[in-house]
Amino acid sequence: MLEINKIADPPFQKLILIGEVDASTSIQLDQMMEEVTSEGLVLIDCTHLAYISSAGLGVFNAYFQDAEGSGNKLVLYGLSEKIKSVFELVGLDQFLSIAENEDEAKKLINESSV
């Protein structure tokens, strides 16, 4: 099960992911990512993300690539060691913007916008 909360925190849009992203819930994540990535600066809080499958990794990879091409910015933060190791295992930590916490994520997104 996945719960996604969307919060406006101008100039950012923040998504809070709670639960698991698997093959069935990745569709929900894909729909929300499509909605927010057109809105500019997006912070994705993974503090309460317990599991992510390859389908979820694919969603993040696709939207990060799209954001680069459109000038939008996305940053993931709050990944547990378990989730972070999944990103590292497949090499996505080399391509995606990942921060330790929300403050670092905001700094990272602002630095990349300059």
Protein backbone atom coordinates (compact mmCIF):
# COMPACT_ATOMS: atom_id res chain seq x y z
CA MET A 1 0.00 0.00 0.00
CA LEU A 2 1.21 3.49 -0.83
CA GLU A 3 -0.05 6.82 0.44
CA ILE A 4 1.13 9.97 -1.31
CA ASN A 5 0.54 13.36 0.25
CA LYS A 6 1.06 16.45 -1.88
CA ILE A 7 1.87 19.68 -0.07
CA ALA A 8 2.44 23.11 -1.56
CA ASP A 9 5.49 24.71 0.08
CA PRO A 10 6.20 27.63 -2.29
CA PRO A 11 8.22 27.68 -4.41
CA PHE A 12 8.27 23.89 -3.97
CA GLN A 13 5.79 21.09 -4.42
CA LYS A 14 6.42 18.36 -1.87
CA LEU A 15 5.40 14.74 -2.17
CA ILE A 16 5.45 12.62 0.98
CA LEU A 17 5.62 8.90 0.22
CA ILE A 18 4.33 6.55 2.91
CA GLY A 19 4.44 2.78 2.54
CA GLU A 20 5.62 0.66 -0.37
CA VAL A 21 6.14 1.30 -4.07
CA ASP A 22 5.67 -1.98 -5.92
CA ALA A 23 4.36 -2.98 -9.34
CA SER A 24 0.76 -2.11 -8.46
CA THR A 25 1.38 1.12 -6.52
CA SER A 26 3.96 2.42 -9.01
CA ILE A 27 0.99 3.41 -11.21
CA GLN A 28 -0.22 5.75 -8.45
CA LEU A 29 3.31 7.17 -8.11
CA ASP A 30 3.55 7.63 -11.87
CA GLN A 31 0.28 9.59 -11.97
CA MET A 32 1.33 11.88 -9.11
CA MET A 33 4.79 12.42 -10.59
CA GLU A 34 3.22 13.38 -13.91
CA GLU A 35 1.05 15.93 -12.11
CA VAL A 36 3.80 17.60 -10.06
CA THR A 37 6.75 17.52 -12.43
CA SER A 38 5.15 20.17 -14.59
CA GLU A 39 5.03 22.45 -11.54
CA GLY A 40 8.75 23.19 -11.35
CA LEU A 41 10.59 22.45 -8.12
CA VAL A 42 9.65 19.13 -6.53
CA LEU A 43 10.84 17.67 -3.23
CA ILE A 44 10.11 13.99 -2.64
CA ASP A 45 10.11 12.95 1.01
CA CYS A 46 11.00 9.26 1.29
CA THR A 47 11.33 9.23 5.08
CA HIS A 48 8.38 6.85 5.41
CA LEU A 49 9.08 4.79 2.29
CA ALA A 50 9.47 1.18 3.44
CA TYR A 51 10.04 -0.58 0.10
CA ILE A 52 10.63 0.19 -3.56
CA SER A 53 10.57 -2.26 -6.45
CA SER A 54 12.18 -1.96 -9.86
CA ALA A 55 8.88 -0.53 -11.13
CA GLY A 56 9.17 2.35 -8.66
CA LEU A 57 12.81 2.92 -9.57
CA GLY A 58 11.75 3.10 -13.20
CA VAL A 59 9.18 5.79 -12.43
CA PHE A 60 11.76 7.95 -10.66
CA ASN A 61 14.31 7.44 -13.41
CA ALA A 62 11.86 8.45 -16.14
CA TYR A 63 10.69 11.62 -14.41
CA PHE A 64 14.18 12.72 -13.41
CA GLN A 65 15.23 12.42 -17.06
CA ASP A 66 12.16 14.35 -18.20
CA ALA A 67 12.78 17.06 -15.59
CA GLU A 68 16.35 17.59 -16.79
CA GLY A 69 15.12 18.21 -20.31
CA SER A 70 12.36 20.60 -19.27
CA GLY A 71 14.23 22.67 -16.70
CA ASN A 72 12.20 21.35 -13.78
CA LYS A 73 14.04 20.09 -10.68
CA LEU A 74 13.39 17.03 -8.54
CA VAL A 75 15.18 15.97 -5.34
CA LEU A 76 14.60 12.85 -3.26
CA TYR A 77 15.40 13.00 0.44
CA GLY A 78 15.08 11.04 3.66
CA LEU A 79 15.91 7.64 2.18
CA SER A 80 16.50 4.91 4.75
CA GLU A 81 19.75 2.95 4.46
CA LYS A 82 17.76 0.05 2.99
CA ILE A 83 16.12 2.18 0.29
CA LYS A 84 19.34 4.10 -0.41
CA SER A 85 21.19 0.81 -0.95
CA VAL A 86 18.63 -0.20 -3.61
CA PHE A 87 19.29 3.05 -5.50
CA GLU A 88 23.05 2.50 -5.15
CA LEU A 89 22.83 -1.14 -6.25
CA VAL A 90 21.30 -0.18 -9.59
CA GLY A 91 23.43 2.97 -9.93
CA LEU A 92 20.56 5.47 -9.80
CA ASP A 93 22.25 7.39 -6.99
CA GLN A 94 24.71 8.57 -9.67
CA PHE A 95 21.96 10.12 -11.82
CA LEU A 96 19.23 11.23 -9.42
CA SER A 97 19.42 14.12 -6.98
CA ILE A 98 19.35 12.65 -3.48
CA ALA A 99 19.73 14.55 -0.20
CA GLU A 100 19.85 13.45 3.43
CA ASN A 101 17.04 15.71 4.66
CA GLU A 102 14.61 18.42 3.57
CA ASP A 103 16.96 21.33 4.27
CA GLU A 104 19.72 19.76 2.17
CA ALA A 105 17.18 18.99 -0.57
CA LYS A 106 16.09 22.63 -0.71
CA LYS A 107 19.70 23.79 -0.87
CA LEU A 108 20.47 21.29 -3.61
CA ILE A 109 17.46 22.29 -5.68
CA ASN A 110 18.22 25.99 -5.27
CA GLU A 111 21.88 25.53 -6.21
CA SER A 112 20.95 23.61 -9.34
CA SER A 113 18.44 26.32 -10.31
CA VAL A 114 21.06 29.07 -10.38
